[in-house]
Amino acid sequence: MNLKPLFDRVVLKDAEMEETTKGGLILTSNAKEKPQYANIVAVGPGGMVDGKEVIMQVKEGQKVVYSKYAGTEIKIDGEEYKIVRQSDILAVIE
């Protein structure tokens, strides 16, 4: 992939969800809710955004939790990605 986010944008790829519930029920594709956690694929350089200096706090390879309705979904080479602002990322999973 040759996708470089600009300014305070971050490219995410949704993490795989479990196919079964804790109780052992197998979920169909229609019953699954999209995850709100993802892996960071690419990070923009930061810089001046809306008159304020933005320093990027996340880096490629981290697993993060993001806001439910955040970002723009795109599809490149058959893979789905989401582009969000750094401020839409709620937490880093360690």
PDB file of N, CA and C in Angstrom:
ATOM      1  N   MET A   1       0.852  -1.177   0.000  1.00  0.00           N
ATOM      2  CA  MET A   1       0.000   0.000   0.000  1.00  0.00           C
ATOM      3  C   MET A   1       0.892   1.232   0.000  1.00  0.00           C
ATOM      4  N   ASN A   2       0.525   2.199  -0.773  1.00  0.00           N
ATOM      5  CA  ASN A   2       1.286   3.431  -0.855  1.00  0.00           C
ATOM      6  C   ASN A   2       0.367   4.595  -0.486  1.00  0.00           C
ATOM      7  N   LEU A   3      -0.143   4.595   0.724  1.00  0.00           N
ATOM      8  CA  LEU A   3      -1.083   5.592   1.206  1.00  0.00           C
ATOM      9  C   LEU A   3      -0.427   6.371   2.329  1.00  0.00           C
ATOM     10  N   LYS A   4      -0.222   7.668   2.125  1.00  0.00           N
ATOM     11  CA  LYS A   4       0.421   8.510   3.128  1.00  0.00           C
ATOM     12  C   LYS A   4      -0.584   9.534   3.642  1.00  0.00           C
ATOM     13  N   PRO A   5      -0.986   9.442   4.906  1.00  0.00           N
ATOM     14  CA  PRO A   5      -1.939  10.409   5.455  1.00  0.00           C
ATOM     15  C   PRO A   5      -1.286  11.779   5.632  1.00  0.00           C
ATOM     16  N   LEU A   6      -2.078  12.823   5.542  1.00  0.00           N
ATOM     17  CA  LEU A   6      -1.600  14.182   5.699  1.00  0.00           C
ATOM     18  C   LEU A   6      -1.921  14.715   7.093  1.00  0.00           C
ATOM     19  N   PHE A   7      -1.145  15.683   7.540  1.00  0.00           N
ATOM     20  CA  PHE A   7      -1.352  16.402   8.796  1.00  0.00           C
ATOM     21  C   PHE A   7      -1.558  15.456   9.976  1.00  0.00           C
ATOM     22  N   ASP A   8      -2.708  15.552  10.655  1.00  0.00           N
ATOM     23  CA  ASP A   8      -2.948  14.749  11.871  1.00  0.00           C
ATOM     24  C   ASP A   8      -3.795  13.512  11.589  1.00  0.00           C
ATOM     25  N   ARG A   9      -3.751  13.016  10.364  1.00  0.00           N
ATOM     26  CA  ARG A   9      -4.549  11.851   9.994  1.00  0.00           C
ATOM     27  C   ARG A   9      -3.781  10.557  10.275  1.00  0.00           C
ATOM     28  N   VAL A  10      -4.558   9.497  10.546  1.00  0.00           N
ATOM     29  CA  VAL A  10      -4.004   8.174  10.827  1.00  0.00           C
ATOM     30  C   VAL A  10      -4.803   7.160  10.016  1.00  0.00           C
ATOM     31  N   VAL A  11      -4.118   6.204   9.376  1.00  0.00           N
ATOM     32  CA  VAL A  11      -4.786   5.149   8.615  1.00  0.00           C
ATOM     33  C   VAL A  11      -4.869   3.909   9.505  1.00  0.00           C
ATOM     34  N   LEU A  12      -6.098   3.389   9.656  1.00  0.00           N
ATOM     35  CA  LEU A  12      -6.342   2.235  10.511  1.00  0.00           C
ATOM     36  C   LEU A  12      -6.851   1.060   9.688  1.00  0.00           C
ATOM     37  N   LYS A  13      -6.532  -0.140  10.137  1.00  0.00           N
ATOM     38  CA  LYS A  13      -7.102  -1.367   9.569  1.00  0.00           C
ATOM     39  C   LYS A  13      -7.759  -2.088  10.729  1.00  0.00           C
ATOM     40  N   ASP A  14      -9.075  -2.317  10.614  1.00  0.00           N
ATOM     41  CA  ASP A  14      -9.819  -2.961  11.688  1.00  0.00           C
ATOM     42  C   ASP A  14      -9.191  -4.293  12.066  1.00  0.00           C
ATOM     43  N   ALA A  15      -9.104  -4.530  13.370  1.00  0.00           N
ATOM     44  CA  ALA A  15      -8.592  -5.796  13.888  1.00  0.00           C
ATOM     45  C   ALA A  15      -9.654  -6.867  13.685  1.00  0.00           C
ATOM     46  N   GLU A  16      -9.226  -8.103  13.539  1.00  0.00           N
ATOM     47  CA  GLU A  16     -10.154  -9.214  13.343  1.00  0.00           C
ATOM     48  C   GLU A  16     -10.960  -9.453  14.609  1.00  0.00           C
ATOM     49  N   MET A  17     -12.258  -9.693  14.433  1.00  0.00           N
ATOM     50  CA  MET A  17     -13.129 -10.008  15.558  1.00  0.00           C
ATOM     51  C   MET A  17     -13.192 -11.504  15.770  1.00  0.00           C
ATOM     52  N   GLU A  18     -13.507 -11.896  16.988  1.00  0.00           N
ATOM     53  CA  GLU A  18     -13.707 -13.298  17.276  1.00  0.00           C
ATOM     54  C   GLU A  18     -14.979 -13.769  16.590  1.00  0.00           C
ATOM     55  N   GLU A  19     -14.981 -14.988  16.111  1.00  0.00           N
ATOM     56  CA  GLU A  19     -16.132 -15.547  15.416  1.00  0.00           C
ATOM     57  C   GLU A  19     -17.164 -16.136  16.372  1.00  0.00           C
ATOM     58  N   THR A  20     -16.771 -16.367  17.633  1.00  0.00           N
ATOM     59  CA  THR A  20     -17.704 -16.934  18.603  1.00  0.00           C
ATOM     60  C   THR A  20     -17.774 -16.042  19.832  1.00  0.00           C
ATOM     61  N   THR A  21     -18.912 -16.090  20.519  1.00  0.00           N
ATOM     62  CA  THR A  21     -19.075 -15.316  21.748  1.00  0.00           C
ATOM     63  C   THR A  21     -18.419 -16.064  22.903  1.00  0.00           C
ATOM     64  N   LYS A  22     -18.344 -15.424  24.058  1.00  0.00           N
ATOM     65  CA  LYS A  22     -17.779 -16.081  25.236  1.00  0.00           C
ATOM     66  C   LYS A  22     -18.599 -17.300  25.631  1.00  0.00           C
ATOM     67  N   GLY A  23     -19.889 -17.272  25.335  1.00  0.00           N
ATOM     68  CA  GLY A  23     -20.767 -18.397  25.641  1.00  0.00           C
ATOM     69  C   GLY A  23     -20.684 -19.526  24.629  1.00  0.00           C
ATOM     70  N   GLY A  24     -19.912 -19.342  23.561  1.00  0.00           N
ATOM     71  CA  GLY A  24     -19.726 -20.390  22.565  1.00  0.00           C
ATOM     72  C   GLY A  24     -20.616 -20.277  21.342  1.00  0.00           C
ATOM     73  N   LEU A  25     -21.415 -19.208  21.231  1.00  0.00           N
ATOM     74  CA  LEU A  25     -22.269 -19.026  20.060  1.00  0.00           C
ATOM     75  C   LEU A  25     -21.448 -18.538  18.876  1.00  0.00           C
ATOM     76  N   ILE A  26     -21.697 -19.103  17.716  1.00  0.00           N
ATOM     77  CA  ILE A  26     -20.995 -18.686  16.502  1.00  0.00           C
ATOM     78  C   ILE A  26     -21.780 -17.550  15.874  1.00  0.00           C
ATOM     79  N   LEU A  27     -21.085 -16.456  15.570  1.00  0.00           N
ATOM     80  CA  LEU A  27     -21.736 -15.278  14.995  1.00  0.00           C
ATOM     81  C   LEU A  27     -21.705 -15.332  13.473  1.00  0.00           C
ATOM     82  N   THR A  28     -22.824 -14.993  12.852  1.00  0.00           N
ATOM     83  CA  THR A  28     -22.860 -14.865  11.396  1.00  0.00           C
ATOM     84  C   THR A  28     -22.332 -13.481  11.036  1.00  0.00           C
ATOM     85  N   SER A  29     -22.027 -13.264   9.785  1.00  0.00           N
ATOM     86  CA  SER A  29     -21.487 -11.965   9.372  1.00  0.00           C
ATOM     87  C   SER A  29     -22.491 -10.839   9.596  1.00  0.00           C
ATOM     88  N   ASN A  30     -23.805 -11.127   9.525  1.00  0.00           N
ATOM     89  CA  ASN A  30     -24.827 -10.105   9.758  1.00  0.00           C
ATOM     90  C   ASN A  30     -24.948  -9.736  11.224  1.00  0.00           C
ATOM     91  N   ALA A  31     -24.614 -10.655  12.125  1.00  0.00           N
ATOM     92  CA  ALA A  31     -24.763 -10.419  13.562  1.00  0.00           C
ATOM     93  C   ALA A  31     -23.569  -9.686  14.159  1.00  0.00           C
ATOM     94  N   LYS A  32     -22.500  -9.587  13.411  1.00  0.00           N
ATOM     95  CA  LYS A  32     -21.293  -8.965  13.936  1.00  0.00           C
ATOM     96  C   LYS A  32     -21.376  -7.448  13.858  1.00  0.00           C
ATOM     97  N   GLU A  33     -20.913  -6.794  14.887  1.00  0.00           N
ATOM     98  CA  GLU A  33     -20.797  -5.342  14.874  1.00  0.00           C
ATOM     99  C   GLU A  33     -19.346  -5.020  14.549  1.00  0.00           C
ATOM    100  N   LYS A  34     -19.132  -3.972  13.772  1.00  0.00           N
ATOM    101  CA  LYS A  34     -17.761  -3.609  13.436  1.00  0.00           C
ATOM    102  C   LYS A  34     -16.987  -3.281  14.701  1.00  0.00           C
ATOM    103  N   PRO A  35     -15.744  -3.708  14.772  1.00  0.00           N
ATOM    104  CA  PRO A  35     -14.950  -3.423  15.971  1.00  0.00           C
ATOM    105  C   PRO A  35     -14.592  -1.947  16.050  1.00  0.00           C
ATOM    106  N   GLN A  36     -14.337  -1.491  17.261  1.00  0.00           N
ATOM    107  CA  GLN A  36     -13.893  -0.120  17.453  1.00  0.00           C
ATOM    108  C   GLN A  36     -12.422  -0.100  17.800  1.00  0.00           C
ATOM    109  N   TYR A  37     -11.735  -1.192  17.509  1.00  0.00           N
ATOM    110  CA  TYR A  37     -10.300  -1.205  17.706  1.00  0.00           C
ATOM    111  C   TYR A  37      -9.642  -1.630  16.403  1.00  0.00           C
ATOM    112  N   ALA A  38      -8.435  -1.113  16.194  1.00  0.00           N
ATOM    113  CA  ALA A  38      -7.773  -1.334  14.919  1.00  0.00           C
ATOM    114  C   ALA A  38      -6.263  -1.241  15.093  1.00  0.00           C
ATOM    115  N   ASN A  39      -5.565  -1.653  14.043  1.00  0.00           N
ATOM    116  CA  ASN A  39      -4.110  -1.520  14.002  1.00  0.00           C
ATOM    117  C   ASN A  39      -3.761  -0.311  13.151  1.00  0.00           C
ATOM    118  N   ILE A  40      -2.777   0.448  13.592  1.00  0.00           N
ATOM    119  CA  ILE A  40      -2.345   1.623  12.826  1.00  0.00           C
ATOM    120  C   ILE A  40      -1.439   1.168  11.687  1.00  0.00           C
ATOM    121  N   VAL A  41      -1.791   1.586  10.476  1.00  0.00           N
ATOM    122  CA  VAL A  41      -1.044   1.228   9.276  1.00  0.00           C
ATOM    123  C   VAL A  41      -0.099   2.352   8.873  1.00  0.00           C
ATOM    124  N   ALA A  42      -0.555   3.601   9.006  1.00  0.00           N
ATOM    125  CA  ALA A  42       0.263   4.757   8.627  1.00  0.00           C
ATOM    126  C   ALA A  42      -0.140   5.961   9.470  1.00  0.00           C
ATOM    127  N   VAL A  43       0.831   6.842   9.716  1.00  0.00           N
ATOM    128  CA  VAL A  43       0.610   8.027  10.545  1.00  0.00           C
ATOM    129  C   VAL A  43       1.102   9.258   9.792  1.00  0.00           C
ATOM    130  N   GLY A  44       0.293  10.312   9.801  1.00  0.00           N
ATOM    131  CA  GLY A  44       0.692  11.569   9.175  1.00  0.00           C
ATOM    132  C   GLY A  44       1.791  12.256   9.973  1.00  0.00           C
ATOM    133  N   PRO A  45       2.378  13.317   9.413  1.00  0.00           N
ATOM    134  CA  PRO A  45       3.500  13.990  10.061  1.00  0.00           C
ATOM    135  C   PRO A  45       3.131  14.953  11.185  1.00  0.00           C
ATOM    136  N   GLY A  46       1.839  15.253  11.339  1.00  0.00           N
ATOM    137  CA  GLY A  46       1.442  16.259  12.333  1.00  0.00           C
ATOM    138  C   GLY A  46       1.628  17.644  11.734  1.00  0.00           C
ATOM    139  N   GLY A  47       1.995  18.618  12.553  1.00  0.00           N
ATOM    140  CA  GLY A  47       2.209  19.977  12.059  1.00  0.00           C
ATOM    141  C   GLY A  47       1.096  20.908  12.476  1.00  0.00           C
ATOM    142  N   MET A  48       0.932  21.992  11.750  1.00  0.00           N
ATOM    143  CA  MET A  48      -0.084  22.993  12.068  1.00  0.00           C
ATOM    144  C   MET A  48      -1.453  22.543  11.540  1.00  0.00           C
ATOM    145  N   VAL A  49      -2.409  22.392  12.461  1.00  0.00           N
ATOM    146  CA  VAL A  49      -3.777  22.010  12.110  1.00  0.00           C
ATOM    147  C   VAL A  49      -4.712  22.984  12.814  1.00  0.00           C
ATOM    148  N   ASP A  50      -5.506  23.713  12.039  1.00  0.00           N
ATOM    149  CA  ASP A  50      -6.434  24.710  12.581  1.00  0.00           C
ATOM    150  C   ASP A  50      -5.717  25.728  13.471  1.00  0.00           C
ATOM    151  N   GLY A  51      -4.519  26.114  13.085  1.00  0.00           N
ATOM    152  CA  GLY A  51      -3.764  27.129  13.820  1.00  0.00           C
ATOM    153  C   GLY A  51      -3.067  26.626  15.073  1.00  0.00           C
ATOM    154  N   LYS A  52      -3.087  25.327  15.306  1.00  0.00           N
ATOM    155  CA  LYS A  52      -2.438  24.757  16.487  1.00  0.00           C
ATOM    156  C   LYS A  52      -1.411  23.724  16.057  1.00  0.00           C
ATOM    157  N   GLU A  53      -0.317  23.650  16.803  1.00  0.00           N
ATOM    158  CA  GLU A  53       0.719  22.653  16.532  1.00  0.00           C
ATOM    159  C   GLU A  53       0.243  21.291  17.035  1.00  0.00           C
ATOM    160  N   VAL A  54       0.243  20.278  16.153  1.00  0.00           N
ATOM    161  CA  VAL A  54      -0.157  18.922  16.524  1.00  0.00           C
ATOM    162  C   VAL A  54       1.059  18.014  16.464  1.00  0.00           C
ATOM    163  N   ILE A  55       1.363  17.386  17.582  1.00  0.00           N
ATOM    164  CA  ILE A  55       2.455  16.420  17.655  1.00  0.00           C
ATOM    165  C   ILE A  55       1.813  15.038  17.709  1.00  0.00           C
ATOM    166  N   MET A  56       2.227  14.172  16.823  1.00  0.00           N
ATOM    167  CA  MET A  56       1.620  12.843  16.750  1.00  0.00           C
ATOM    168  C   MET A  56       2.046  12.005  17.948  1.00  0.00           C
ATOM    169  N   GLN A  57       1.046  11.435  18.632  1.00  0.00           N
ATOM    170  CA  GLN A  57       1.266  10.632  19.833  1.00  0.00           C
ATOM    171  C   GLN A  57       1.219   9.127  19.547  1.00  0.00           C
ATOM    172  N   VAL A  58       0.818   8.758  18.340  1.00  0.00           N
ATOM    173  CA  VAL A  58       0.706   7.349  17.971  1.00  0.00           C
ATOM    174  C   VAL A  58       1.707   7.020  16.884  1.00  0.00           C
ATOM    175  N   LYS A  59       1.960   5.721  16.691  1.00  0.00           N
ATOM    176  CA  LYS A  59       2.905   5.305  15.652  1.00  0.00           C
ATOM    177  C   LYS A  59       2.412   4.023  14.987  1.00  0.00           C
ATOM    178  N   GLU A  60       2.964   3.720  13.845  1.00  0.00           N
ATOM    179  CA  GLU A  60       2.579   2.534  13.094  1.00  0.00           C
ATOM    180  C   GLU A  60       2.763   1.279  13.941  1.00  0.00           C
ATOM    181  N   GLY A  61       1.843   0.332  13.774  1.00  0.00           N
ATOM    182  CA  GLY A  61       1.934  -0.936  14.467  1.00  0.00           C
ATOM    183  C   GLY A  61       1.195  -0.994  15.791  1.00  0.00           C
ATOM    184  N   GLN A  62       0.805   0.162  16.331  1.00  0.00           N
ATOM    185  CA  GLN A  62       0.073   0.157  17.597  1.00  0.00           C
ATOM    186  C   GLN A  62      -1.370  -0.286  17.372  1.00  0.00           C
ATOM    187  N   LYS A  63      -1.965  -0.890  18.406  1.00  0.00           N
ATOM    188  CA  LYS A  63      -3.371  -1.261  18.389  1.00  0.00           C
ATOM    189  C   LYS A  63      -4.104  -0.205  19.198  1.00  0.00           C
ATOM    190  N   VAL A  64      -5.174   0.365  18.622  1.00  0.00           N
ATOM    191  CA  VAL A  64      -5.868   1.481  19.257  1.00  0.00           C
ATOM    192  C   VAL A  64      -7.380   1.272  19.285  1.00  0.00           C
ATOM    193  N   VAL A  65      -8.037   2.034  20.152  1.00  0.00           N
ATOM    194  CA  VAL A  65      -9.493   2.116  20.212  1.00  0.00           C
ATOM    195  C   VAL A  65      -9.865   3.484  19.650  1.00  0.00           C
ATOM    196  N   TYR A  66     -10.867   3.528  18.758  1.00  0.00           N
ATOM    197  CA  TYR A  66     -11.250   4.798  18.152  1.00  0.00           C
ATOM    198  C   TYR A  66     -12.751   5.035  18.304  1.00  0.00           C
ATOM    199  N   SER A  67     -13.175   6.266  18.103  1.00  0.00           N
ATOM    200  CA  SER A  67     -14.593   6.633  18.218  1.00  0.00           C
ATOM    201  C   SER A  67     -15.430   5.853  17.210  1.00  0.00           C
ATOM    202  N   LYS A  68     -16.628   5.498  17.602  1.00  0.00           N
ATOM    203  CA  LYS A  68     -17.483   4.618  16.811  1.00  0.00           C
ATOM    204  C   LYS A  68     -17.782   5.144  15.404  1.00  0.00           C
ATOM    205  N   TYR A  69     -18.118   6.411  15.277  1.00  0.00           N
ATOM    206  CA  TYR A  69     -18.508   6.958  13.974  1.00  0.00           C
ATOM    207  C   TYR A  69     -17.431   7.840  13.351  1.00  0.00           C
ATOM    208  N   ALA A  70     -16.200   7.652  13.753  1.00  0.00           N
ATOM    209  CA  ALA A  70     -15.099   8.492  13.291  1.00  0.00           C
ATOM    210  C   ALA A  70     -14.593   8.047  11.917  1.00  0.00           C
ATOM    211  N   GLY A  71     -14.045   9.004  11.198  1.00  0.00           N
ATOM    212  CA  GLY A  71     -13.271   8.709  10.010  1.00  0.00           C
ATOM    213  C   GLY A  71     -14.018   8.454   8.724  1.00  0.00           C
ATOM    214  N   THR A  72     -13.219   8.147   7.726  1.00  0.00           N
ATOM    215  CA  THR A  72     -13.699   7.870   6.375  1.00  0.00           C
ATOM    216  C   THR A  72     -13.211   6.488   5.976  1.00  0.00           C
ATOM    217  N   GLU A  73     -14.129   5.642   5.532  1.00  0.00           N
ATOM    218  CA  GLU A  73     -13.763   4.298   5.110  1.00  0.00           C
ATOM    219  C   GLU A  73     -13.374   4.319   3.640  1.00  0.00           C
ATOM    220  N   ILE A  74     -12.278   3.613   3.331  1.00  0.00           N
ATOM    221  CA  ILE A  74     -11.821   3.504   1.946  1.00  0.00           C
ATOM    222  C   ILE A  74     -11.443   2.053   1.672  1.00  0.00           C
ATOM    223  N   LYS A  75     -11.378   1.715   0.387  1.00  0.00           N
ATOM    224  CA  LYS A  75     -10.987   0.372  -0.006  1.00  0.00           C
ATOM    225  C   LYS A  75      -9.863   0.485  -1.032  1.00  0.00           C
ATOM    226  N   ILE A  76      -8.723  -0.147  -0.739  1.00  0.00           N
ATOM    227  CA  ILE A  76      -7.569  -0.123  -1.637  1.00  0.00           C
ATOM    228  C   ILE A  76      -7.082  -1.555  -1.818  1.00  0.00           C
ATOM    229  N   ASP A  77      -6.938  -1.978  -3.054  1.00  0.00           N
ATOM    230  CA  ASP A  77      -6.466  -3.330  -3.371  1.00  0.00           C
ATOM    231  C   ASP A  77      -7.275  -4.403  -2.645  1.00  0.00           C
ATOM    232  N   GLY A  78      -8.583  -4.201  -2.523  1.00  0.00           N
ATOM    233  CA  GLY A  78      -9.446  -5.176  -1.887  1.00  0.00           C
ATOM    234  C   GLY A  78      -9.425  -5.160  -0.368  1.00  0.00           C
ATOM    235  N   GLU A  79      -8.631  -4.296   0.235  1.00  0.00           N
ATOM    236  CA  GLU A  79      -8.536  -4.188   1.692  1.00  0.00           C
ATOM    237  C   GLU A  79      -9.274  -2.939   2.160  1.00  0.00           C
ATOM    238  N   GLU A  80      -9.979  -3.040   3.282  1.00  0.00           N
ATOM    239  CA  GLU A  80     -10.702  -1.893   3.831  1.00  0.00           C
ATOM    240  C   GLU A  80      -9.864  -1.199   4.899  1.00  0.00           C
ATOM    241  N   TYR A  81      -9.821   0.129   4.801  1.00  0.00           N
ATOM    242  CA  TYR A  81      -9.091   0.955   5.756  1.00  0.00           C
ATOM    243  C   TYR A  81      -9.992   2.081   6.223  1.00  0.00           C
ATOM    244  N   LYS A  82      -9.593   2.729   7.289  1.00  0.00           N
ATOM    245  CA  LYS A  82     -10.318   3.884   7.795  1.00  0.00           C
ATOM    246  C   LYS A  82      -9.291   4.975   8.060  1.00  0.00           C
ATOM    247  N   ILE A  83      -9.584   6.196   7.615  1.00  0.00           N
ATOM    248  CA  ILE A  83      -8.714   7.340   7.876  1.00  0.00           C
ATOM    249  C   ILE A  83      -9.408   8.205   8.924  1.00  0.00           C
ATOM    250  N   VAL A  84      -8.718   8.422  10.050  1.00  0.00           N
ATOM    251  CA  VAL A  84      -9.273   9.200  11.162  1.00  0.00           C
ATOM    252  C   VAL A  84      -8.278  10.280  11.572  1.00  0.00           C
ATOM    253  N   ARG A  85      -8.768  11.268  12.299  1.00  0.00           N
ATOM    254  CA  ARG A  85      -7.882  12.255  12.913  1.00  0.00           C
ATOM    255  C   ARG A  85      -7.305  11.636  14.180  1.00  0.00           C
ATOM    256  N   GLN A  86      -6.133  12.074  14.559  1.00  0.00           N
ATOM    257  CA  GLN A  86      -5.525  11.564  15.778  1.00  0.00           C
ATOM    258  C   GLN A  86      -6.458  11.774  16.978  1.00  0.00           C
ATOM    259  N   SER A  87      -7.196  12.875  16.990  1.00  0.00           N
ATOM    260  CA  SER A  87      -8.094  13.168  18.111  1.00  0.00           C
ATOM    261  C   SER A  87      -9.270  12.189  18.206  1.00  0.00           C
ATOM    262  N   ASP A  88      -9.543  11.414  17.132  1.00  0.00           N
ATOM    263  CA  ASP A  88     -10.593  10.400  17.163  1.00  0.00           C
ATOM    264  C   ASP A  88     -10.121   9.104  17.806  1.00  0.00           C
ATOM    265  N   ILE A  89      -8.818   8.987  18.046  1.00  0.00           N
ATOM    266  CA  ILE A  89      -8.272   7.803  18.707  1.00  0.00           C
ATOM    267  C   ILE A  89      -8.399   8.024  20.203  1.00  0.00           C
ATOM    268  N   LEU A  90      -9.063   7.081  20.883  1.00  0.00           N
ATOM    269  CA  LEU A  90      -9.363   7.233  22.297  1.00  0.00           C
ATOM    270  C   LEU A  90      -8.300   6.637  23.206  1.00  0.00           C
ATOM    271  N   ALA A  91      -7.664   5.547  22.777  1.00  0.00           N
ATOM    272  CA  ALA A  91      -6.693   4.886  23.645  1.00  0.00           C
ATOM    273  C   ALA A  91      -5.778   3.982  22.831  1.00  0.00           C
ATOM    274  N   VAL A  92      -4.602   3.700  23.377  1.00  0.00           N
ATOM    275  CA  VAL A  92      -3.666   2.742  22.804  1.00  0.00           C
ATOM    276  C   VAL A  92      -3.759   1.476  23.651  1.00  0.00           C
ATOM    277  N   ILE A  93      -3.888   0.330  22.997  1.00  0.00           N
ATOM    278  CA  ILE A  93      -3.946  -0.950  23.709  1.00  0.00           C
ATOM    279  C   ILE A  93      -2.527  -1.508  23.792  1.00  0.00           C
ATOM    280  N   GLU A  94      -2.085  -1.765  25.001  1.00  0.00           N
ATOM    281  CA  GLU A  94      -0.718  -2.304  25.184  1.00  0.00           C
ATOM    282  C   GLU A  94      -0.751  -3.712  25.697  1.00  0.00           C
TER     283      GLU A  94
END
